[in-house]
Amino acid sequence: MDSYILEKHADGLLVFTINRPDKRNAISYEIMAGLEKALSLASEEDIKVLAITGQGEKAFCSGGDLSIFHRLKTEEEAYEMLSRMSDLLVKLLLLPKPTIALLNGTAVGGGCELASACDFRIASKHVKAGFIQGSLAITTGWGGGTFLSERLLPANAMKMLMGARTYEAEQLKELGFVQSIVEGDLLENARKYLNPILSLESDVLKAYKAMFIHKWNESRLQERVQEEVRRCAKLWESDAHHRQVDKFLEKK
């Protein structure tokens, strides 16, 4: 079974689906490669919007696959992985076309970082999401903290990061993390939100997105993400982090 699915729709929507439901759609190196491919395809002229979602109804993305990444012990080993994924998410944020996270299920940790790199987030009614990294004695390390500080009011962003817990869909909407909550088929209902955007010419969409990209570039966003990655890598090496991950894996 392929670990990801890429689908191009006739109206200009490109959908990237993480296809690892048995792993709660956790990020692996194969998923990173797939996201790189999706970003490349999204640059094609006939694509207007890139959507990211997960297979099934249980999980959008549970973050990094700990069965793989827990083998990374040192700051240098962690930095290599964190830097690779953060580079991809910065490319996603700066993609000159609108992007949307379709939250089909729970999004935690790095899954929230992936969602926060997108311009919009639409969630199924049963979704829970949260930046739980603090409970593992680390911070966001893929750029999610920086992205969140651009998306939400400062107090709401700090609450989500420092609370290290999950929130219900309605709470996520109140915080500003989610723009719309839907019932039934997620993609079908998300189209009600997306169709006005997809009806516009690509050049119009790119011109509007360029305004935000200019703002992010002026605010040294990429440099700030690198600082975030460095801080997380240092914490990753700590005994406290490895103890918390061991406890987490023992519960599974």
C-alpha atoms as a PDB file:
ATOM      1  CA  MET A   1       0.000   0.000   0.000  1.00  0.00           C
ATOM      2  CA  ASP A   2       1.342   3.415  -0.955  1.00  0.00           C
ATOM      3  CA  SER A   3       2.013   5.665   2.038  1.00  0.00           C
ATOM      4  CA  TYR A   4       0.416   8.646   0.316  1.00  0.00           C
ATOM      5  CA  ILE A   5      -2.076   9.421  -2.451  1.00  0.00           C
ATOM      6  CA  LEU A   6      -2.019  12.373  -4.860  1.00  0.00           C
ATOM      7  CA  GLU A   7      -5.175  13.290  -6.764  1.00  0.00           C
ATOM      8  CA  LYS A   8      -5.647  16.092  -9.290  1.00  0.00           C
ATOM      9  CA  HIS A   9      -9.206  17.338  -9.775  1.00  0.00           C
ATOM     10  CA  ALA A  10     -10.489  18.994 -12.925  1.00  0.00           C
ATOM     11  CA  ASP A  11     -11.323  22.248 -11.119  1.00  0.00           C
ATOM     12  CA  GLY A  12      -7.705  22.841 -10.077  1.00  0.00           C
ATOM     13  CA  LEU A  13      -7.723  21.152  -6.661  1.00  0.00           C
ATOM     14  CA  LEU A  14      -4.754  18.934  -5.804  1.00  0.00           C
ATOM     15  CA  VAL A  15      -5.312  16.609  -2.822  1.00  0.00           C
ATOM     16  CA  PHE A  16      -2.417  15.031  -0.913  1.00  0.00           C
ATOM     17  CA  THR A  17      -3.597  12.237   1.410  1.00  0.00           C
ATOM     18  CA  ILE A  18      -1.387  10.635   4.048  1.00  0.00           C
ATOM     19  CA  ASN A  19      -2.249   6.960   3.648  1.00  0.00           C
ATOM     20  CA  ARG A  20      -0.986   5.386   6.883  1.00  0.00           C
ATOM     21  CA  PRO A  21      -4.181   4.897   8.903  1.00  0.00           C
ATOM     22  CA  ASP A  22      -2.646   1.971  10.826  1.00  0.00           C
ATOM     23  CA  LYS A  23       0.026   4.434  12.066  1.00  0.00           C
ATOM     24  CA  ARG A  24      -2.500   7.230  12.662  1.00  0.00           C
ATOM     25  CA  ASN A  25      -1.113   8.870   9.523  1.00  0.00           C
ATOM     26  CA  ALA A  26       2.204   9.612  11.210  1.00  0.00           C
ATOM     27  CA  ILE A  27       4.956  11.331   9.249  1.00  0.00           C
ATOM     28  CA  SER A  28       7.708   9.053   7.924  1.00  0.00           C
ATOM     29  CA  TYR A  29      10.544   9.776   5.520  1.00  0.00           C
ATOM     30  CA  GLU A  30       8.319   8.410   2.726  1.00  0.00           C
ATOM     31  CA  ILE A  31       5.644  10.955   3.621  1.00  0.00           C
ATOM     32  CA  MET A  32       8.262  13.698   3.507  1.00  0.00           C
ATOM     33  CA  ALA A  33       9.203  12.600  -0.008  1.00  0.00           C
ATOM     34  CA  GLY A  34       5.522  12.546  -0.973  1.00  0.00           C
ATOM     35  CA  LEU A  35       4.979  16.052   0.342  1.00  0.00           C
ATOM     36  CA  GLU A  36       7.954  17.234  -1.691  1.00  0.00           C
ATOM     37  CA  LYS A  37       6.310  15.724  -4.778  1.00  0.00           C
ATOM     38  CA  ALA A  38       2.966  17.350  -3.926  1.00  0.00           C
ATOM     39  CA  LEU A  39       4.617  20.765  -3.598  1.00  0.00           C
ATOM     40  CA  SER A  40       6.261  20.282  -6.976  1.00  0.00           C
ATOM     41  CA  LEU A  41       2.959  19.313  -8.614  1.00  0.00           C
ATOM     42  CA  ALA A  42       1.200  22.229  -6.942  1.00  0.00           C
ATOM     43  CA  SER A  43       3.454  24.634  -8.839  1.00  0.00           C
ATOM     44  CA  GLU A  44       1.948  23.511 -12.151  1.00  0.00           C
ATOM     45  CA  GLU A  45      -0.203  26.103 -13.892  1.00  0.00           C
ATOM     46  CA  ASP A  46      -3.467  24.150 -13.761  1.00  0.00           C
ATOM     47  CA  ILE A  47      -3.367  23.731  -9.962  1.00  0.00           C
ATOM     48  CA  LYS A  48      -5.167  26.442  -7.984  1.00  0.00           C
ATOM     49  CA  VAL A  49      -5.376  24.979  -4.462  1.00  0.00           C
ATOM     50  CA  LEU A  50      -3.402  22.319  -2.571  1.00  0.00           C
ATOM     51  CA  ALA A  51      -5.341  20.352   0.063  1.00  0.00           C
ATOM     52  CA  ILE A  52      -3.755  18.029   2.641  1.00  0.00           C
ATOM     53  CA  THR A  53      -5.674  15.364   4.532  1.00  0.00           C
ATOM     54  CA  GLY A  54      -5.348  11.913   6.096  1.00  0.00           C
ATOM     55  CA  GLN A  55      -6.857   8.534   5.266  1.00  0.00           C
ATOM     56  CA  GLY A  56      -9.780   7.344   7.389  1.00  0.00           C
ATOM     57  CA  GLU A  57     -11.715   9.175  10.081  1.00  0.00           C
ATOM     58  CA  LYS A  58      -9.525   8.632  13.156  1.00  0.00           C
ATOM     59  CA  ALA A  59      -6.435  10.712  12.423  1.00  0.00           C
ATOM     60  CA  PHE A  60      -5.377  13.606  10.217  1.00  0.00           C
ATOM     61  CA  CYS A  61      -1.782  13.235  11.347  1.00  0.00           C
ATOM     62  CA  SER A  62      -0.290  12.187  14.674  1.00  0.00           C
ATOM     63  CA  GLY A  63       3.011  13.949  14.027  1.00  0.00           C
ATOM     64  CA  GLY A  64       6.320  12.209  13.562  1.00  0.00           C
ATOM     65  CA  ASP A  65       6.363   8.413  13.622  1.00  0.00           C
ATOM     66  CA  LEU A  66       8.008   7.794  16.995  1.00  0.00           C
ATOM     67  CA  SER A  67       8.777   4.183  16.103  1.00  0.00           C
ATOM     68  CA  ILE A  68      11.194   5.682  13.541  1.00  0.00           C
ATOM     69  CA  PHE A  69      12.251   9.024  15.008  1.00  0.00           C
ATOM     70  CA  HIS A  70      12.767   7.776  18.586  1.00  0.00           C
ATOM     71  CA  ARG A  71      15.971   6.205  17.260  1.00  0.00           C
ATOM     72  CA  LEU A  72      17.325   9.747  16.903  1.00  0.00           C
ATOM     73  CA  LYS A  73      19.134  10.438  20.171  1.00  0.00           C
ATOM     74  CA  THR A  74      21.518  13.353  19.715  1.00  0.00           C
ATOM     75  CA  GLU A  75      20.924  16.999  18.932  1.00  0.00           C
ATOM     76  CA  GLU A  76      22.635  16.576  15.561  1.00  0.00           C
ATOM     77  CA  GLU A  77      20.516  13.555  14.581  1.00  0.00           C
ATOM     78  CA  ALA A  78      17.327  15.313  15.616  1.00  0.00           C
ATOM     79  CA  TYR A  79      18.298  18.523  13.821  1.00  0.00           C
ATOM     80  CA  GLU A  80      18.745  16.690  10.507  1.00  0.00           C
ATOM     81  CA  MET A  81      15.190  15.293  10.631  1.00  0.00           C
ATOM     82  CA  LEU A  82      13.594  18.441  12.072  1.00  0.00           C
ATOM     83  CA  SER A  83      15.314  20.656   9.546  1.00  0.00           C
ATOM     84  CA  ARG A  84      14.218  18.506   6.601  1.00  0.00           C
ATOM     85  CA  MET A  85      10.546  18.594   7.619  1.00  0.00           C
ATOM     86  CA  SER A  86      10.613  22.269   8.584  1.00  0.00           C
ATOM     87  CA  ASP A  87      12.044  23.132   5.162  1.00  0.00           C
ATOM     88  CA  LEU A  88       9.089  21.337   3.562  1.00  0.00           C
ATOM     89  CA  LEU A  89       6.569  23.131   5.762  1.00  0.00           C
ATOM     90  CA  VAL A  90       8.148  26.505   5.016  1.00  0.00           C
ATOM     91  CA  LYS A  91       7.785  25.682   1.310  1.00  0.00           C
ATOM     92  CA  LEU A  92       4.147  24.782   2.000  1.00  0.00           C
ATOM     93  CA  LEU A  93       3.565  28.071   3.828  1.00  0.00           C
ATOM     94  CA  LEU A  94       5.242  30.075   1.064  1.00  0.00           C
ATOM     95  CA  LEU A  95       3.584  28.193  -1.813  1.00  0.00           C
ATOM     96  CA  PRO A  96       2.286  30.965  -4.108  1.00  0.00           C
ATOM     97  CA  LYS A  97      -1.188  29.409  -4.107  1.00  0.00           C
ATOM     98  CA  PRO A  98      -3.763  28.864  -1.347  1.00  0.00           C
ATOM     99  CA  THR A  99      -3.455  25.721   0.771  1.00  0.00           C
ATOM    100  CA  ILE A 100      -5.943  23.983   3.057  1.00  0.00           C
ATOM    101  CA  ALA A 101      -5.745  21.293   5.723  1.00  0.00           C
ATOM    102  CA  LEU A 102      -8.791  19.018   5.707  1.00  0.00           C
ATOM    103  CA  LEU A 103      -8.835  17.702   9.269  1.00  0.00           C
ATOM    104  CA  ASN A 104     -10.553  14.328   8.914  1.00  0.00           C
ATOM    105  CA  GLY A 105      -9.483  13.179  12.384  1.00  0.00           C
ATOM    106  CA  THR A 106      -7.230  13.933  15.320  1.00  0.00           C
ATOM    107  CA  ALA A 107      -4.223  16.173  14.718  1.00  0.00           C
ATOM    108  CA  VAL A 108      -1.572  16.243  17.427  1.00  0.00           C
ATOM    109  CA  GLY A 109       2.013  17.414  17.711  1.00  0.00           C
ATOM    110  CA  GLY A 110       3.603  17.604  14.307  1.00  0.00           C
ATOM    111  CA  GLY A 111       0.179  17.013  12.768  1.00  0.00           C
ATOM    112  CA  CYS A 112      -0.846  20.439  14.071  1.00  0.00           C
ATOM    113  CA  GLU A 113       2.386  21.900  12.711  1.00  0.00           C
ATOM    114  CA  LEU A 114       1.496  20.510   9.282  1.00  0.00           C
ATOM    115  CA  ALA A 115      -2.005  21.963   9.544  1.00  0.00           C
ATOM    116  CA  SER A 116      -0.706  25.338  10.740  1.00  0.00           C
ATOM    117  CA  ALA A 117       1.484  25.641   7.638  1.00  0.00           C
ATOM    118  CA  CYS A 118      -1.702  25.687   5.529  1.00  0.00           C
ATOM    119  CA  ASP A 119      -3.676  28.867   4.891  1.00  0.00           C
ATOM    120  CA  PHE A 120      -7.024  27.376   5.973  1.00  0.00           C
ATOM    121  CA  ARG A 121      -8.168  24.527   8.194  1.00  0.00           C
ATOM    122  CA  ILE A 122     -11.550  22.794   7.865  1.00  0.00           C
ATOM    123  CA  ALA A 123     -12.425  20.121  10.420  1.00  0.00           C
ATOM    124  CA  SER A 124     -14.917  17.302  10.747  1.00  0.00           C
ATOM    125  CA  LYS A 125     -17.159  17.718  13.784  1.00  0.00           C
ATOM    126  CA  HIS A 126     -15.470  14.918  15.774  1.00  0.00           C
ATOM    127  CA  VAL A 127     -11.937  16.287  15.372  1.00  0.00           C
ATOM    128  CA  LYS A 128      -9.610  17.011  18.272  1.00  0.00           C
ATOM    129  CA  ALA A 129      -6.285  18.763  17.835  1.00  0.00           C
ATOM    130  CA  GLY A 130      -3.461  20.156  19.919  1.00  0.00           C
ATOM    131  CA  PHE A 131       0.227  20.996  20.144  1.00  0.00           C
ATOM    132  CA  ILE A 132       1.127  18.337  22.730  1.00  0.00           C
ATOM    133  CA  GLN A 133       4.903  18.560  22.222  1.00  0.00           C
ATOM    134  CA  GLY A 134       5.419  20.098  25.656  1.00  0.00           C
ATOM    135  CA  SER A 135       4.157  16.899  27.299  1.00  0.00           C
ATOM    136  CA  LEU A 136       7.085  15.109  25.623  1.00  0.00           C
ATOM    137  CA  ALA A 137       9.562  17.674  27.030  1.00  0.00           C
ATOM    138  CA  ILE A 138      10.206  19.304  23.656  1.00  0.00           C
ATOM    139  CA  THR A 139       8.813  22.251  21.697  1.00  0.00           C
ATOM    140  CA  THR A 140       7.455  22.464  18.181  1.00  0.00           C
ATOM    141  CA  GLY A 141      10.345  21.668  15.859  1.00  0.00           C
ATOM    142  CA  TRP A 142       8.956  21.811  12.324  1.00  0.00           C
ATOM    143  CA  GLY A 143       8.117  25.510  12.392  1.00  0.00           C
ATOM    144  CA  GLY A 144       4.629  25.103  13.821  1.00  0.00           C
ATOM    145  CA  GLY A 145       5.132  27.531  16.692  1.00  0.00           C
ATOM    146  CA  THR A 146       6.269  30.223  14.283  1.00  0.00           C
ATOM    147  CA  PHE A 147       3.412  29.509  11.874  1.00  0.00           C
ATOM    148  CA  LEU A 148       0.870  29.562  14.701  1.00  0.00           C
ATOM    149  CA  SER A 149       2.142  32.961  15.854  1.00  0.00           C
ATOM    150  CA  GLU A 150       1.310  34.253  12.361  1.00  0.00           C
ATOM    151  CA  ARG A 151      -2.134  32.626  12.201  1.00  0.00           C
ATOM    152  CA  LEU A 152      -3.653  33.300  15.638  1.00  0.00           C
ATOM    153  CA  LEU A 153      -3.936  36.094  18.162  1.00  0.00           C
ATOM    154  CA  PRO A 154      -0.805  35.958  20.371  1.00  0.00           C
ATOM    155  CA  ALA A 155      -2.636  34.888  23.544  1.00  0.00           C
ATOM    156  CA  ASN A 156      -4.475  32.107  21.694  1.00  0.00           C
ATOM    157  CA  ALA A 157      -1.279  30.868  20.043  1.00  0.00           C
ATOM    158  CA  MET A 158       0.539  30.818  23.380  1.00  0.00           C
ATOM    159  CA  LYS A 159      -2.374  29.024  25.013  1.00  0.00           C
ATOM    160  CA  MET A 160      -2.309  26.258  22.396  1.00  0.00           C
ATOM    161  CA  LEU A 161       1.458  25.845  22.607  1.00  0.00           C
ATOM    162  CA  MET A 162       1.938  26.100  26.369  1.00  0.00           C
ATOM    163  CA  GLY A 163      -1.243  24.201  27.262  1.00  0.00           C
ATOM    164  CA  ALA A 164       0.185  21.078  25.570  1.00  0.00           C
ATOM    165  CA  ARG A 165      -3.306  19.548  25.297  1.00  0.00           C
ATOM    166  CA  THR A 166      -5.970  18.792  22.716  1.00  0.00           C
ATOM    167  CA  TYR A 167      -9.085  20.844  21.998  1.00  0.00           C
ATOM    168  CA  GLU A 168     -12.512  19.958  20.594  1.00  0.00           C
ATOM    169  CA  ALA A 169     -13.511  21.241  17.153  1.00  0.00           C
ATOM    170  CA  GLU A 170     -15.684  24.071  18.497  1.00  0.00           C
ATOM    171  CA  GLN A 171     -12.867  25.199  20.800  1.00  0.00           C
ATOM    172  CA  LEU A 172     -10.443  25.152  17.883  1.00  0.00           C
ATOM    173  CA  LYS A 173     -12.795  27.407  15.950  1.00  0.00           C
ATOM    174  CA  GLU A 174     -13.075  29.814  18.877  1.00  0.00           C
ATOM    175  CA  LEU A 175      -9.285  29.959  19.107  1.00  0.00           C
ATOM    176  CA  GLY A 176      -9.088  30.750  15.383  1.00  0.00           C
ATOM    177  CA  PHE A 177      -7.206  27.585  14.469  1.00  0.00           C
ATOM    178  CA  VAL A 178     -10.137  26.148  12.476  1.00  0.00           C
ATOM    179  CA  GLN A 179     -12.153  28.243  10.023  1.00  0.00           C
ATOM    180  CA  SER A 180     -15.075  25.859   9.444  1.00  0.00           C
ATOM    181  CA  ILE A 181     -16.568  22.701  10.985  1.00  0.00           C
ATOM    182  CA  VAL A 182     -18.502  20.255   8.781  1.00  0.00           C
ATOM    183  CA  GLU A 183     -20.497  17.060   9.105  1.00  0.00           C
ATOM    184  CA  GLY A 184     -20.640  14.239   6.579  1.00  0.00           C
ATOM    185  CA  ASP A 185     -18.205  13.891   3.681  1.00  0.00           C
ATOM    186  CA  LEU A 186     -15.293  16.211   4.468  1.00  0.00           C
ATOM    187  CA  LEU A 187     -14.086  16.945   0.931  1.00  0.00           C
ATOM    188  CA  GLU A 188     -17.596  17.381  -0.435  1.00  0.00           C
ATOM    189  CA  ASN A 189     -18.536  19.827   2.319  1.00  0.00           C
ATOM    190  CA  ALA A 190     -15.174  21.585   2.183  1.00  0.00           C
ATOM    191  CA  ARG A 191     -15.923  22.426  -1.441  1.00  0.00           C
ATOM    192  CA  LYS A 192     -18.621  24.830  -0.220  1.00  0.00           C
ATOM    193  CA  TYR A 193     -15.746  26.770   1.373  1.00  0.00           C
ATOM    194  CA  LEU A 194     -13.341  26.216  -1.518  1.00  0.00           C
ATOM    195  CA  ASN A 195     -15.543  26.726  -4.583  1.00  0.00           C
ATOM    196  CA  PRO A 196     -15.514  30.548  -4.443  1.00  0.00           C
ATOM    197  CA  ILE A 197     -11.709  30.389  -4.292  1.00  0.00           C
ATOM    198  CA  LEU A 198     -11.448  27.805  -7.066  1.00  0.00           C
ATOM    199  CA  SER A 199     -13.704  29.950  -9.265  1.00  0.00           C
ATOM    200  CA  LEU A 200     -11.099  32.715  -9.416  1.00  0.00           C
ATOM    201  CA  GLU A 201      -8.280  32.909 -11.947  1.00  0.00           C
ATOM    202  CA  SER A 202      -4.928  31.493 -10.835  1.00  0.00           C
ATOM    203  CA  ASP A 203      -3.212  34.851 -11.314  1.00  0.00           C
ATOM    204  CA  VAL A 204      -5.680  36.478  -8.907  1.00  0.00           C
ATOM    205  CA  LEU A 205      -5.054  33.831  -6.260  1.00  0.00           C
ATOM    206  CA  LYS A 206      -1.293  34.139  -6.654  1.00  0.00           C
ATOM    207  CA  ALA A 207      -1.451  37.934  -6.437  1.00  0.00           C
ATOM    208  CA  TYR A 208      -3.342  37.796  -3.144  1.00  0.00           C
ATOM    209  CA  LYS A 209      -1.068  35.105  -1.705  1.00  0.00           C
ATOM    210  CA  ALA A 210       1.960  37.213  -2.675  1.00  0.00           C
ATOM    211  CA  MET A 211       0.828  39.916  -0.234  1.00  0.00           C
ATOM    212  CA  PHE A 212       1.114  37.508   2.684  1.00  0.00           C
ATOM    213  CA  ILE A 213       4.345  35.937   1.442  1.00  0.00           C
ATOM    214  CA  HIS A 214       5.886  39.416   1.296  1.00  0.00           C
ATOM    215  CA  LYS A 215       4.838  40.049   4.914  1.00  0.00           C
ATOM    216  CA  TRP A 216       6.295  36.734   6.080  1.00  0.00           C
ATOM    217  CA  ASN A 217       9.558  37.344   4.261  1.00  0.00           C
ATOM    218  CA  GLU A 218       9.834  40.841   5.752  1.00  0.00           C
ATOM    219  CA  SER A 219       9.345  39.375   9.234  1.00  0.00           C
ATOM    220  CA  ARG A 220      12.319  36.979   8.821  1.00  0.00           C
ATOM    221  CA  LEU A 221      10.007  33.976   9.054  1.00  0.00           C
ATOM    222  CA  GLN A 222      12.482  31.449   7.657  1.00  0.00           C
ATOM    223  CA  GLU A 223      15.161  32.626  10.081  1.00  0.00           C
ATOM    224  CA  ARG A 224      12.706  32.361  12.984  1.00  0.00           C
ATOM    225  CA  VAL A 225      11.802  28.809  11.952  1.00  0.00           C
ATOM    226  CA  GLN A 226      15.470  27.851  11.980  1.00  0.00           C
ATOM    227  CA  GLU A 227      15.774  29.188  15.535  1.00  0.00           C
ATOM    228  CA  GLU A 228      12.742  27.104  16.504  1.00  0.00           C
ATOM    229  CA  VAL A 229      14.307  23.986  14.972  1.00  0.00           C
ATOM    230  CA  ARG A 230      17.577  24.569  16.852  1.00  0.00           C
ATOM    231  CA  ARG A 231      15.789  24.971  20.179  1.00  0.00           C
ATOM    232  CA  CYS A 232      13.796  21.793  19.659  1.00  0.00           C
ATOM    233  CA  ALA A 233      16.885  19.811  18.640  1.00  0.00           C
ATOM    234  CA  LYS A 234      18.619  20.789  21.896  1.00  0.00           C
ATOM    235  CA  LEU A 235      15.613  19.644  23.939  1.00  0.00           C
ATOM    236  CA  TRP A 236      15.329  16.452  21.873  1.00  0.00           C
ATOM    237  CA  GLU A 237      18.712  15.286  23.185  1.00  0.00           C
ATOM    238  CA  SER A 238      17.637  15.706  26.826  1.00  0.00           C
ATOM    239  CA  ASP A 239      16.992  12.774  29.156  1.00  0.00           C
ATOM    240  CA  ALA A 240      13.589  14.269  29.989  1.00  0.00           C
ATOM    241  CA  HIS A 241      12.439  13.958  26.371  1.00  0.00           C
ATOM    242  CA  HIS A 242      13.621  10.376  25.975  1.00  0.00           C
ATOM    243  CA  ARG A 243      11.966   9.400  29.262  1.00  0.00           C
ATOM    244  CA  GLN A 244       8.636  10.876  28.173  1.00  0.00           C
ATOM    245  CA  VAL A 245       8.787   9.169  24.781  1.00  0.00           C
ATOM    246  CA  ASP A 246       9.604   5.832  26.438  1.00  0.00           C
ATOM    247  CA  LYS A 247       6.545   6.241  28.673  1.00  0.00           C
ATOM    248  CA  PHE A 248       4.408   7.131  25.658  1.00  0.00           C
ATOM    249  CA  LEU A 249       5.576   4.090  23.678  1.00  0.00           C
ATOM    250  CA  GLU A 250       5.025   1.787  26.669  1.00  0.00           C
ATOM    251  CA  LYS A 251       1.372   2.865  26.814  1.00  0.00           C
ATOM    252  CA  LYS A 252       0.777   1.986  23.155  1.00  0.00           C
END
